PDB file of N, CA and C in Angstrom:
ATOM      1  N   MET A   1       0.819  -1.189   0.000  1.00  0.00           N
ATOM      2  CA  MET A   1       0.000   0.000   0.000  1.00  0.00           C
ATOM      3  C   MET A   1       0.865   1.257   0.000  1.00  0.00           C
ATOM      4  N   ILE A   2       0.268   2.319  -0.400  1.00  0.00           N
ATOM      5  CA  ILE A   2       0.951   3.602  -0.476  1.00  0.00           C
ATOM      6  C   ILE A   2       0.769   4.333   0.852  1.00  0.00           C
ATOM      7  N   SER A   3       1.800   5.043   1.276  1.00  0.00           N
ATOM      8  CA  SER A   3       1.749   5.735   2.571  1.00  0.00           C
ATOM      9  C   SER A   3       0.630   6.778   2.600  1.00  0.00           C
ATOM     10  N   ARG A   4       0.099   6.987   3.800  1.00  0.00           N
ATOM     11  CA  ARG A   4      -0.960   7.982   3.985  1.00  0.00           C
ATOM     12  C   ARG A   4      -0.487   9.365   3.592  1.00  0.00           C
ATOM     13  N   GLU A   5       0.773   9.666   3.871  1.00  0.00           N
ATOM     14  CA  GLU A   5       1.319  10.984   3.553  1.00  0.00           C
ATOM     15  C   GLU A   5       1.323  11.233   2.052  1.00  0.00           C
ATOM     16  N   LEU A   6       1.728  10.223   1.282  1.00  0.00           N
ATOM     17  CA  LEU A   6       1.776  10.382  -0.170  1.00  0.00           C
ATOM     18  C   LEU A   6       0.359  10.455  -0.747  1.00  0.00           C
ATOM     19  N   ILE A   7      -0.548   9.678  -0.201  1.00  0.00           N
ATOM     20  CA  ILE A   7      -1.943   9.744  -0.649  1.00  0.00           C
ATOM     21  C   ILE A   7      -2.506  11.132  -0.369  1.00  0.00           C
ATOM     22  N   ALA A   8      -2.256  11.658   0.815  1.00  0.00           N
ATOM     23  CA  ALA A   8      -2.749  12.990   1.162  1.00  0.00           C
ATOM     24  C   ALA A   8      -2.156  14.056   0.250  1.00  0.00           C
ATOM     25  N   ALA A   9      -0.865  13.945  -0.039  1.00  0.00           N
ATOM     26  CA  ALA A   9      -0.203  14.941  -0.883  1.00  0.00           C
ATOM     27  C   ALA A   9      -0.715  14.909  -2.322  1.00  0.00           C
ATOM     28  N   SER A  10      -1.143  13.749  -2.777  1.00  0.00           N
ATOM     29  CA  SER A  10      -1.587  13.616  -4.166  1.00  0.00           C
ATOM     30  C   SER A  10      -3.092  13.801  -4.336  1.00  0.00           C
ATOM     31  N   ALA A  11      -3.833  13.925  -3.253  1.00  0.00           N
ATOM     32  CA  ALA A  11      -5.294  13.967  -3.337  1.00  0.00           C
ATOM     33  C   ALA A  11      -5.814  15.126  -4.185  1.00  0.00           C
ATOM     34  N   GLU A  12      -5.362  16.328  -3.904  1.00  0.00           N
ATOM     35  CA  GLU A  12      -5.883  17.484  -4.641  1.00  0.00           C
ATOM     36  C   GLU A  12      -5.577  17.403  -6.132  1.00  0.00           C
ATOM     37  N   PRO A  13      -4.320  17.156  -6.538  1.00  0.00           N
ATOM     38  CA  PRO A  13      -4.092  17.086  -7.986  1.00  0.00           C
ATOM     39  C   PRO A  13      -4.827  15.923  -8.656  1.00  0.00           C
ATOM     40  N   LEU A  14      -4.992  14.808  -7.952  1.00  0.00           N
ATOM     41  CA  LEU A  14      -5.748  13.703  -8.534  1.00  0.00           C
ATOM     42  C   LEU A  14      -7.211  14.080  -8.739  1.00  0.00           C
ATOM     43  N   ILE A  15      -7.820  14.668  -7.739  1.00  0.00           N
ATOM     44  CA  ILE A  15      -9.221  15.069  -7.849  1.00  0.00           C
ATOM     45  C   ILE A  15      -9.401  16.091  -8.966  1.00  0.00           C
ATOM     46  N   LEU A  16      -8.556  17.104  -8.995  1.00  0.00           N
ATOM     47  CA  LEU A  16      -8.657  18.122 -10.040  1.00  0.00           C
ATOM     48  C   LEU A  16      -8.450  17.514 -11.430  1.00  0.00           C
ATOM     49  N   SER A  17      -7.519  16.589 -11.541  1.00  0.00           N
ATOM     50  CA  SER A  17      -7.256  15.941 -12.836  1.00  0.00           C
ATOM     51  C   SER A  17      -8.456  15.129 -13.308  1.00  0.00           C
ATOM     52  N   ILE A  18      -9.048  14.376 -12.401  1.00  0.00           N
ATOM     53  CA  ILE A  18     -10.222  13.569 -12.756  1.00  0.00           C
ATOM     54  C   ILE A  18     -11.376  14.467 -13.164  1.00  0.00           C
ATOM     55  N   LEU A  19     -11.592  15.539 -12.423  1.00  0.00           N
ATOM     56  CA  LEU A  19     -12.729  16.412 -12.696  1.00  0.00           C
ATOM     57  C   LEU A  19     -12.515  17.359 -13.870  1.00  0.00           C
ATOM     58  N   GLN A  20     -11.276  17.541 -14.302  1.00  0.00           N
ATOM     59  CA  GLN A  20     -11.082  18.382 -15.477  1.00  0.00           C
ATOM     60  C   GLN A  20     -11.583  17.664 -16.733  1.00  0.00           C
ATOM     61  N   ARG A  21     -11.646  16.340 -16.689  1.00  0.00           N
ATOM     62  CA  ARG A  21     -12.154  15.562 -17.818  1.00  0.00           C
ATOM     63  C   ARG A  21     -13.671  15.667 -17.921  1.00  0.00           C
ATOM     64  N   GLU A  22     -14.345  15.542 -16.760  1.00  0.00           N
ATOM     65  CA  GLU A  22     -15.798  15.634 -16.707  1.00  0.00           C
ATOM     66  C   GLU A  22     -16.233  15.752 -15.258  1.00  0.00           C
ATOM     67  N   GLU A  23     -17.395  16.347 -15.043  1.00  0.00           N
ATOM     68  CA  GLU A  23     -17.904  16.435 -13.682  1.00  0.00           C
ATOM     69  C   GLU A  23     -18.219  15.033 -13.183  1.00  0.00           C
ATOM     70  N   ASN A  24     -18.184  14.875 -11.864  1.00  0.00           N
ATOM     71  CA  ASN A  24     -18.443  13.562 -11.298  1.00  0.00           C
ATOM     72  C   ASN A  24     -18.814  13.695  -9.835  1.00  0.00           C
ATOM     73  N   TYR A  25     -19.226  12.594  -9.229  1.00  0.00           N
ATOM     74  CA  TYR A  25     -19.616  12.571  -7.824  1.00  0.00           C
ATOM     75  C   TYR A  25     -18.583  11.777  -7.031  1.00  0.00           C
ATOM     76  N   GLY A  26     -18.648  11.918  -5.707  1.00  0.00           N
ATOM     77  CA  GLY A  26     -17.611  11.394  -4.835  1.00  0.00           C
ATOM     78  C   GLY A  26     -17.249   9.945  -5.037  1.00  0.00           C
ATOM     79  N   TYR A  27     -18.234   9.050  -4.997  1.00  0.00           N
ATOM     80  CA  TYR A  27     -17.938   7.624  -5.117  1.00  0.00           C
ATOM     81  C   TYR A  27     -17.241   7.317  -6.445  1.00  0.00           C
ATOM     82  N   ALA A  28     -17.702   7.938  -7.528  1.00  0.00           N
ATOM     83  CA  ALA A  28     -17.097   7.708  -8.841  1.00  0.00           C
ATOM     84  C   ALA A  28     -15.654   8.218  -8.878  1.00  0.00           C
ATOM     85  N   ILE A  29     -15.382   9.316  -8.198  1.00  0.00           N
ATOM     86  CA  ILE A  29     -14.012   9.835  -8.127  1.00  0.00           C
ATOM     87  C   ILE A  29     -13.113   8.825  -7.421  1.00  0.00           C
ATOM     88  N   ALA A  30     -13.577   8.319  -6.280  1.00  0.00           N
ATOM     89  CA  ALA A  30     -12.800   7.325  -5.527  1.00  0.00           C
ATOM     90  C   ALA A  30     -12.553   6.073  -6.367  1.00  0.00           C
ATOM     91  N   GLU A  31     -13.541   5.658  -7.143  1.00  0.00           N
ATOM     92  CA  GLU A  31     -13.387   4.472  -7.995  1.00  0.00           C
ATOM     93  C   GLU A  31     -12.365   4.716  -9.100  1.00  0.00           C
ATOM     94  N   LYS A  32     -12.341   5.920  -9.653  1.00  0.00           N
ATOM     95  CA  LYS A  32     -11.349   6.237 -10.685  1.00  0.00           C
ATOM     96  C   LYS A  32      -9.938   6.212 -10.104  1.00  0.00           C
ATOM     97  N   VAL A  33      -9.769   6.747  -8.913  1.00  0.00           N
ATOM     98  CA  VAL A  33      -8.457   6.719  -8.255  1.00  0.00           C
ATOM     99  C   VAL A  33      -8.024   5.274  -8.039  1.00  0.00           C
ATOM    100  N   ARG A  34      -8.953   4.455  -7.572  1.00  0.00           N
ATOM    101  CA  ARG A  34      -8.658   3.032  -7.344  1.00  0.00           C
ATOM    102  C   ARG A  34      -8.222   2.378  -8.657  1.00  0.00           C
ATOM    103  N   ALA A  35      -8.944   2.659  -9.731  1.00  0.00           N
ATOM    104  CA  ALA A  35      -8.617   2.071 -11.033  1.00  0.00           C
ATOM    105  C   ALA A  35      -7.271   2.581 -11.553  1.00  0.00           C
ATOM    106  N   PHE A  36      -7.053   3.894 -11.470  1.00  0.00           N
ATOM    107  CA  PHE A  36      -5.796   4.470 -11.958  1.00  0.00           C
ATOM    108  C   PHE A  36      -4.587   3.916 -11.207  1.00  0.00           C
ATOM    109  N   SER A  37      -4.772   3.569  -9.935  1.00  0.00           N
ATOM    110  CA  SER A  37      -3.657   3.089  -9.112  1.00  0.00           C
ATOM    111  C   SER A  37      -3.554   1.565  -9.092  1.00  0.00           C
ATOM    112  N   GLY A  38      -4.338   0.911  -9.904  1.00  0.00           N
ATOM    113  CA  GLY A  38      -4.311  -0.543  -9.912  1.00  0.00           C
ATOM    114  C   GLY A  38      -4.770  -1.135  -8.581  1.00  0.00           C
ATOM    115  N   GLY A  39      -5.661  -0.428  -7.910  1.00  0.00           N
ATOM    116  CA  GLY A  39      -6.199  -0.899  -6.643  1.00  0.00           C
ATOM    117  C   GLY A  39      -5.334  -0.612  -5.428  1.00  0.00           C
ATOM    118  N   LYS A  40      -4.256   0.131  -5.604  1.00  0.00           N
ATOM    119  CA  LYS A  40      -3.338   0.407  -4.488  1.00  0.00           C
ATOM    120  C   LYS A  40      -3.725   1.633  -3.668  1.00  0.00           C
ATOM    121  N   MET A  41      -4.637   2.448  -4.194  1.00  0.00           N
ATOM    122  CA  MET A  41      -5.103   3.622  -3.468  1.00  0.00           C
ATOM    123  C   MET A  41      -6.605   3.481  -3.277  1.00  0.00           C
ATOM    124  N   ASN A  42      -7.018   3.221  -2.065  1.00  0.00           N
ATOM    125  CA  ASN A  42      -8.436   3.058  -1.740  1.00  0.00           C
ATOM    126  C   ASN A  42      -8.856   4.184  -0.812  1.00  0.00           C
ATOM    127  N   TRP A  43      -9.505   5.182  -1.377  1.00  0.00           N
ATOM    128  CA  TRP A  43      -9.920   6.331  -0.594  1.00  0.00           C
ATOM    129  C   TRP A  43     -11.229   6.041   0.123  1.00  0.00           C
ATOM    130  N   THR A  44     -11.310   6.484   1.357  1.00  0.00           N
ATOM    131  CA  THR A  44     -12.548   6.379   2.115  1.00  0.00           C
ATOM    132  C   THR A  44     -13.322   7.688   1.969  1.00  0.00           C
ATOM    133  N   GLU A  45     -14.597   7.646   2.320  1.00  0.00           N
ATOM    134  CA  GLU A  45     -15.402   8.862   2.306  1.00  0.00           C
ATOM    135  C   GLU A  45     -14.823   9.891   3.267  1.00  0.00           C
ATOM    136  N   GLY A  46     -14.321   9.421   4.404  1.00  0.00           N
ATOM    137  CA  GLY A  46     -13.756  10.309   5.409  1.00  0.00           C
ATOM    138  C   GLY A  46     -12.515  11.029   4.934  1.00  0.00           C
ATOM    139  N   MET A  47     -11.865  10.499   3.929  1.00  0.00           N
ATOM    140  CA  MET A  47     -10.695  11.156   3.359  1.00  0.00           C
ATOM    141  C   MET A  47     -11.096  12.033   2.169  1.00  0.00           C
ATOM    142  N   LEU A  48     -11.991  11.518   1.318  1.00  0.00           N
ATOM    143  CA  LEU A  48     -12.337  12.196   0.067  1.00  0.00           C
ATOM    144  C   LEU A  48     -13.175  13.458   0.267  1.00  0.00           C
ATOM    145  N   TYR A  49     -14.257  13.360   1.015  1.00  0.00           N
ATOM    146  CA  TYR A  49     -15.192  14.486   1.088  1.00  0.00           C
ATOM    147  C   TYR A  49     -14.603  15.736   1.749  1.00  0.00           C
ATOM    148  N   PRO A  50     -13.785  15.625   2.774  1.00  0.00           N
ATOM    149  CA  PRO A  50     -13.156  16.855   3.280  1.00  0.00           C
ATOM    150  C   PRO A  50     -12.289  17.557   2.231  1.00  0.00           C
ATOM    151  N   VAL A  51     -11.628  16.779   1.381  1.00  0.00           N
ATOM    152  CA  VAL A  51     -10.801  17.390   0.325  1.00  0.00           C
ATOM    153  C   VAL A  51     -11.703  18.064  -0.708  1.00  0.00           C
ATOM    154  N   LEU A  52     -12.778  17.396  -1.112  1.00  0.00           N
ATOM    155  CA  LEU A  52     -13.721  18.009  -2.062  1.00  0.00           C
ATOM    156  C   LEU A  52     -14.287  19.311  -1.506  1.00  0.00           C
ATOM    157  N   HIS A  53     -14.690  19.293  -0.247  1.00  0.00           N
ATOM    158  CA  HIS A  53     -15.260  20.503   0.363  1.00  0.00           C
ATOM    159  C   HIS A  53     -14.232  21.616   0.485  1.00  0.00           C
ATOM    160  N   ARG A  54     -12.989  21.257   0.822  1.00  0.00           N
ATOM    161  CA  ARG A  54     -11.918  22.261   0.917  1.00  0.00           C
ATOM    162  C   ARG A  54     -11.649  22.881  -0.455  1.00  0.00           C
ATOM    163  N   LEU A  55     -11.595  22.055  -1.495  1.00  0.00           N
ATOM    164  CA  LEU A  55     -11.370  22.578  -2.845  1.00  0.00           C
ATOM    165  C   LEU A  55     -12.516  23.496  -3.280  1.00  0.00           C
ATOM    166  N   GLU A  56     -13.725  23.144  -2.884  1.00  0.00           N
ATOM    167  CA  GLU A  56     -14.866  23.992  -3.231  1.00  0.00           C
ATOM    168  C   GLU A  56     -14.805  25.317  -2.475  1.00  0.00           C
ATOM    169  N   ARG A  57     -14.475  25.279  -1.193  1.00  0.00           N
ATOM    170  CA  ARG A  57     -14.355  26.529  -0.411  1.00  0.00           C
ATOM    171  C   ARG A  57     -13.284  27.450  -0.993  1.00  0.00           C
ATOM    172  N   ARG A  58     -12.226  26.863  -1.533  1.00  0.00           N
ATOM    173  CA  ARG A  58     -11.140  27.658  -2.122  1.00  0.00           C
ATOM    174  C   ARG A  58     -11.460  28.129  -3.536  1.00  0.00           C
ATOM    175  N   GLY A  59     -12.616  27.735  -4.069  1.00  0.00           N
ATOM    176  CA  GLY A  59     -13.027  28.178  -5.391  1.00  0.00           C
ATOM    177  C   GLY A  59     -12.432  27.372  -6.530  1.00  0.00           C
ATOM    178  N   LEU A  60     -11.849  26.216  -6.231  1.00  0.00           N
ATOM    179  CA  LEU A  60     -11.238  25.389  -7.272  1.00  0.00           C
ATOM    180  C   LEU A  60     -12.238  24.410  -7.879  1.00  0.00           C
ATOM    181  N   LEU A  61     -13.316  24.142  -7.131  1.00  0.00           N
ATOM    182  CA  LEU A  61     -14.401  23.288  -7.605  1.00  0.00           C
ATOM    183  C   LEU A  61     -15.720  24.003  -7.386  1.00  0.00           C
ATOM    184  N   GLN A  62     -16.721  23.567  -8.136  1.00  0.00           N
ATOM    185  CA  GLN A  62     -18.090  23.971  -7.878  1.00  0.00           C
ATOM    186  C   GLN A  62     -18.918  22.690  -7.873  1.00  0.00           C
ATOM    187  N   SER A  63     -20.086  22.745  -7.249  1.00  0.00           N
ATOM    188  CA  SER A  63     -20.909  21.542  -7.193  1.00  0.00           C
ATOM    189  C   SER A  63     -22.365  21.877  -7.465  1.00  0.00           C
ATOM    190  N   ARG A  64     -23.098  20.831  -7.789  1.00  0.00           N
ATOM    191  CA  ARG A  64     -24.537  20.958  -8.016  1.00  0.00           C
ATOM    192  C   ARG A  64     -25.186  19.650  -7.590  1.00  0.00           C
ATOM    193  N   TRP A  65     -26.413  19.726  -7.160  1.00  0.00           N
ATOM    194  CA  TRP A  65     -27.175  18.545  -6.763  1.00  0.00           C
ATOM    195  C   TRP A  65     -28.041  18.113  -7.931  1.00  0.00           C
ATOM    196  N   GLU A  66     -28.135  16.792  -8.105  1.00  0.00           N
ATOM    197  CA  GLU A  66     -28.994  16.241  -9.159  1.00  0.00           C
ATOM    198  C   GLU A  66     -29.792  15.081  -8.581  1.00  0.00           C
ATOM    199  N   ALA A  67     -31.096  15.097  -8.825  1.00  0.00           N
ATOM    200  CA  ALA A  67     -31.958  14.007  -8.363  1.00  0.00           C
ATOM    201  C   ALA A  67     -31.740  12.778  -9.241  1.00  0.00           C
ATOM    202  N   GLN A  68     -31.669  11.612  -8.611  1.00  0.00           N
ATOM    203  CA  GLN A  68     -31.497  10.352  -9.322  1.00  0.00           C
ATOM    204  C   GLN A  68     -32.871   9.703  -9.533  1.00  0.00           C
ATOM    205  N   GLU A  69     -32.906   8.660 -10.355  1.00  0.00           N
ATOM    206  CA  GLU A  69     -34.167   7.978 -10.641  1.00  0.00           C
ATOM    207  C   GLU A  69     -34.819   7.424  -9.377  1.00  0.00           C
ATOM    208  N   ASN A  70     -34.003   7.041  -8.410  1.00  0.00           N
ATOM    209  CA  ASN A  70     -34.541   6.466  -7.169  1.00  0.00           C
ATOM    210  C   ASN A  70     -35.012   7.544  -6.184  1.00  0.00           C
ATOM    211  N   GLY A  71     -34.940   8.806  -6.599  1.00  0.00           N
ATOM    212  CA  GLY A  71     -35.395   9.903  -5.753  1.00  0.00           C
ATOM    213  C   GLY A  71     -34.317  10.514  -4.877  1.00  0.00           C
ATOM    214  N   ARG A  72     -33.194   9.841  -4.767  1.00  0.00           N
ATOM    215  CA  ARG A  72     -32.092  10.382  -3.968  1.00  0.00           C
ATOM    216  C   ARG A  72     -31.367  11.454  -4.761  1.00  0.00           C
ATOM    217  N   LYS A  73     -30.656  12.314  -4.049  1.00  0.00           N
ATOM    218  CA  LYS A  73     -29.868  13.358  -4.699  1.00  0.00           C
ATOM    219  C   LYS A  73     -28.396  12.971  -4.677  1.00  0.00           C
ATOM    220  N   ARG A  74     -27.701  13.378  -5.720  1.00  0.00           N
ATOM    221  CA  ARG A  74     -26.267  13.125  -5.817  1.00  0.00           C
ATOM    222  C   ARG A  74     -25.588  14.454  -6.117  1.00  0.00           C
ATOM    223  N   ARG A  75     -24.465  14.700  -5.439  1.00  0.00           N
ATOM    224  CA  ARG A  75     -23.735  15.952  -5.620  1.00  0.00           C
ATOM    225  C   ARG A  75     -22.624  15.743  -6.645  1.00  0.00           C
ATOM    226  N   TYR A  76     -22.678  16.524  -7.718  1.00  0.00           N
ATOM    227  CA  TYR A  76     -21.680  16.461  -8.779  1.00  0.00           C
ATOM    228  C   TYR A  76     -20.718  17.637  -8.644  1.00  0.00           C
ATOM    229  N   TYR A  77     -19.453  17.354  -8.836  1.00  0.00           N
ATOM    230  CA  TYR A  77     -18.394  18.361  -8.732  1.00  0.00           C
ATOM    231  C   TYR A  77     -17.771  18.593 -10.104  1.00  0.00           C
ATOM    232  N   SER A  78     -17.355  19.831 -10.346  1.00  0.00           N
ATOM    233  CA  SER A  78     -16.628  20.171 -11.574  1.00  0.00           C
ATOM    234  C   SER A  78     -15.557  21.209 -11.242  1.00  0.00           C
ATOM    235  N   VAL A  79     -14.568  21.288 -12.096  1.00  0.00           N
ATOM    236  CA  VAL A  79     -13.433  22.193 -11.896  1.00  0.00           C
ATOM    237  C   VAL A  79     -13.783  23.584 -12.412  1.00  0.00           C
ATOM    238  N   THR A  80     -13.415  24.591 -11.660  1.00  0.00           N
ATOM    239  CA  THR A  80     -13.592  25.980 -12.079  1.00  0.00           C
ATOM    240  C   THR A  80     -12.357  26.429 -12.871  1.00  0.00           C
ATOM    241  N   THR A  81     -12.431  27.608 -13.439  1.00  0.00           N
ATOM    242  CA  THR A  81     -11.271  28.175 -14.139  1.00  0.00           C
ATOM    243  C   THR A  81     -10.092  28.306 -13.180  1.00  0.00           C
ATOM    244  N   LYS A  82     -10.372  28.753 -11.963  1.00  0.00           N
ATOM    245  CA  LYS A  82      -9.321  28.860 -10.942  1.00  0.00           C
ATOM    246  C   LYS A  82      -8.729  27.480 -10.633  1.00  0.00           C
ATOM    247  N   GLY A  83      -9.569  26.461 -10.625  1.00  0.00           N
ATOM    248  CA  GLY A  83      -9.110  25.100 -10.376  1.00  0.00           C
ATOM    249  C   GLY A  83      -8.213  24.586 -11.489  1.00  0.00           C
ATOM    250  N   ARG A  84      -8.535  24.916 -12.724  1.00  0.00           N
ATOM    251  CA  ARG A  84      -7.687  24.494 -13.858  1.00  0.00           C
ATOM    252  C   ARG A  84      -6.305  25.136 -13.775  1.00  0.00           C
ATOM    253  N   LYS A  85      -6.278  26.397 -13.359  1.00  0.00           N
ATOM    254  CA  LYS A  85      -4.995  27.086 -13.196  1.00  0.00           C
ATOM    255  C   LYS A  85      -4.189  26.434 -12.072  1.00  0.00           C
ATOM    256  N   ALA A  86      -4.848  26.144 -10.956  1.00  0.00           N
ATOM    257  CA  ALA A  86      -4.166  25.489  -9.831  1.00  0.00           C
ATOM    258  C   ALA A  86      -3.648  24.117 -10.237  1.00  0.00           C
ATOM    259  N   LEU A  87      -4.436  23.392 -11.035  1.00  0.00           N
ATOM    260  CA  LEU A  87      -3.999  22.074 -11.496  1.00  0.00           C
ATOM    261  C   LEU A  87      -2.752  22.178 -12.365  1.00  0.00           C
ATOM    262  N   ALA A  88      -2.697  23.163 -13.238  1.00  0.00           N
ATOM    263  CA  ALA A  88      -1.510  23.341 -14.080  1.00  0.00           C
ATOM    264  C   ALA A  88      -0.272  23.589 -13.214  1.00  0.00           C
ATOM    265  N   GLU A  89      -0.431  24.373 -12.160  1.00  0.00           N
ATOM    266  CA  GLU A  89       0.681  24.633 -11.247  1.00  0.00           C
ATOM    267  C   GLU A  89       1.092  23.362 -10.508  1.00  0.00           C
ATOM    268  N   ARG A  90       0.121  22.612  -9.997  1.00  0.00           N
ATOM    269  CA  ARG A  90       0.424  21.354  -9.279  1.00  0.00           C
ATOM    270  C   ARG A  90       1.087  20.352 -10.216  1.00  0.00           C
ATOM    271  N   ARG A  91       0.620  20.290 -11.445  1.00  0.00           N
ATOM    272  CA  ARG A  91       1.198  19.346 -12.404  1.00  0.00           C
ATOM    273  C   ARG A  91       2.673  19.655 -12.627  1.00  0.00           C
ATOM    274  N   SER A  92       2.993  20.914 -12.774  1.00  0.00           N
ATOM    275  CA  SER A  92       4.391  21.314 -12.957  1.00  0.00           C
ATOM    276  C   SER A  92       5.231  20.910 -11.747  1.00  0.00           C
ATOM    277  N   GLU A  93       4.680  21.111 -10.548  1.00  0.00           N
ATOM    278  CA  GLU A  93       5.394  20.724  -9.328  1.00  0.00           C
ATOM    279  C   GLU A  93       5.630  19.211  -9.283  1.00  0.00           C
ATOM    280  N   TRP A  94       4.579  18.436  -9.578  1.00  0.00           N
ATOM    281  CA  TRP A  94       4.708  16.975  -9.536  1.00  0.00           C
ATOM    282  C   TRP A  94       5.676  16.475 -10.605  1.00  0.00           C
ATOM    283  N   GLU A  95       5.694  17.099 -11.770  1.00  0.00           N
ATOM    284  CA  GLU A  95       6.636  16.699 -12.812  1.00  0.00           C
ATOM    285  C   GLU A  95       8.075  16.959 -12.368  1.00  0.00           C
ATOM    286  N   THR A  96       8.302  18.058 -11.653  1.00  0.00           N
ATOM    287  CA  THR A  96       9.629  18.362 -11.123  1.00  0.00           C
ATOM    288  C   THR A  96      10.042  17.317 -10.094  1.00  0.00           C
ATOM    289  N   VAL A  97       9.130  16.976  -9.182  1.00  0.00           N
ATOM    290  CA  VAL A  97       9.416  15.956  -8.170  1.00  0.00           C
ATOM    291  C   VAL A  97       9.691  14.611  -8.835  1.00  0.00           C
ATOM    292  N   HIS A  98       8.878  14.253  -9.802  1.00  0.00           N
ATOM    293  CA  HIS A  98       9.043  12.986 -10.525  1.00  0.00           C
ATOM    294  C   HIS A  98      10.411  12.925 -11.214  1.00  0.00           C
ATOM    295  N   ALA A  99      10.782  13.993 -11.888  1.00  0.00           N
ATOM    296  CA  ALA A  99      12.080  14.030 -12.566  1.00  0.00           C
ATOM    297  C   ALA A  99      13.228  13.923 -11.577  1.00  0.00           C
ATOM    298  N   ALA A 100      13.126  14.614 -10.448  1.00  0.00           N
ATOM    299  CA  ALA A 100      14.181  14.548  -9.430  1.00  0.00           C
ATOM    300  C   ALA A 100      14.307  13.132  -8.872  1.00  0.00           C
ATOM    301  N   LEU A 101      13.180  12.488  -8.593  1.00  0.00           N
ATOM    302  CA  LEU A 101      13.218  11.115  -8.093  1.00  0.00           C
ATOM    303  C   LEU A 101      13.821  10.170  -9.114  1.00  0.00           C
ATOM    304  N   ASN A 102      13.459  10.313 -10.357  1.00  0.00           N
ATOM    305  CA  ASN A 102      14.029   9.459 -11.408  1.00  0.00           C
ATOM    306  C   ASN A 102      15.540   9.621 -11.487  1.00  0.00           C
ATOM    307  N   GLN A 103      16.022  10.841 -11.369  1.00  0.00           N
ATOM    308  CA  GLN A 103      17.471  11.059 -11.406  1.00  0.00           C
ATOM    309  C   GLN A 103      18.127  10.453 -10.158  1.00  0.00           C
ATOM    310  N   ALA A 104      17.520  10.642  -9.004  1.00  0.00           N
ATOM    311  CA  ALA A 104      18.083  10.107  -7.766  1.00  0.00           C
ATOM    312  C   ALA A 104      18.113   8.584  -7.810  1.00  0.00           C
ATOM    313  N   TRP A 105      17.107   7.966  -8.410  1.00  0.00           N
ATOM    314  CA  TRP A 105      17.048   6.505  -8.495  1.00  0.00           C
ATOM    315  C   TRP A 105      17.868   5.959  -9.644  1.00  0.00           C
ATOM    316  N   GLY A 106      18.383   6.866 -10.493  1.00  0.00           N
ATOM    317  CA  GLY A 106      19.208   6.432 -11.612  1.00  0.00           C
ATOM    318  C   GLY A 106      18.411   5.836 -12.760  1.00  0.00           C
ATOM    319  N   THR A 107      17.155   6.265 -12.901  1.00  0.00           N
ATOM    320  CA  THR A 107      16.331   5.746 -14.008  1.00  0.00           C
ATOM    321  C   THR A 107      16.119   6.783 -15.073  1.00  0.00           C
TER     322      THR A 107
END
């Protein structure tokens, strides 16, 4: 498994990256992370929703409620213009870290 620290550090850029493709709801976001990581990153609701709410408070995401066929409501999240800019900055940072690690590991 991946360390909690690394999962926490990657949460925001992962969420923003997933949502820049299309709006989605919490459970679907967690499932995409699980799939992208080959099952090595299993996010709980207790980890995911505080990050989604924090990103929304910071203006990086927006959300809307949609009624489902069963009558329940589901909250969909999407990236704002500010969120896309923040994602571009995070991506550059992660690429720098990735390159440094590759050099340190000799790959």
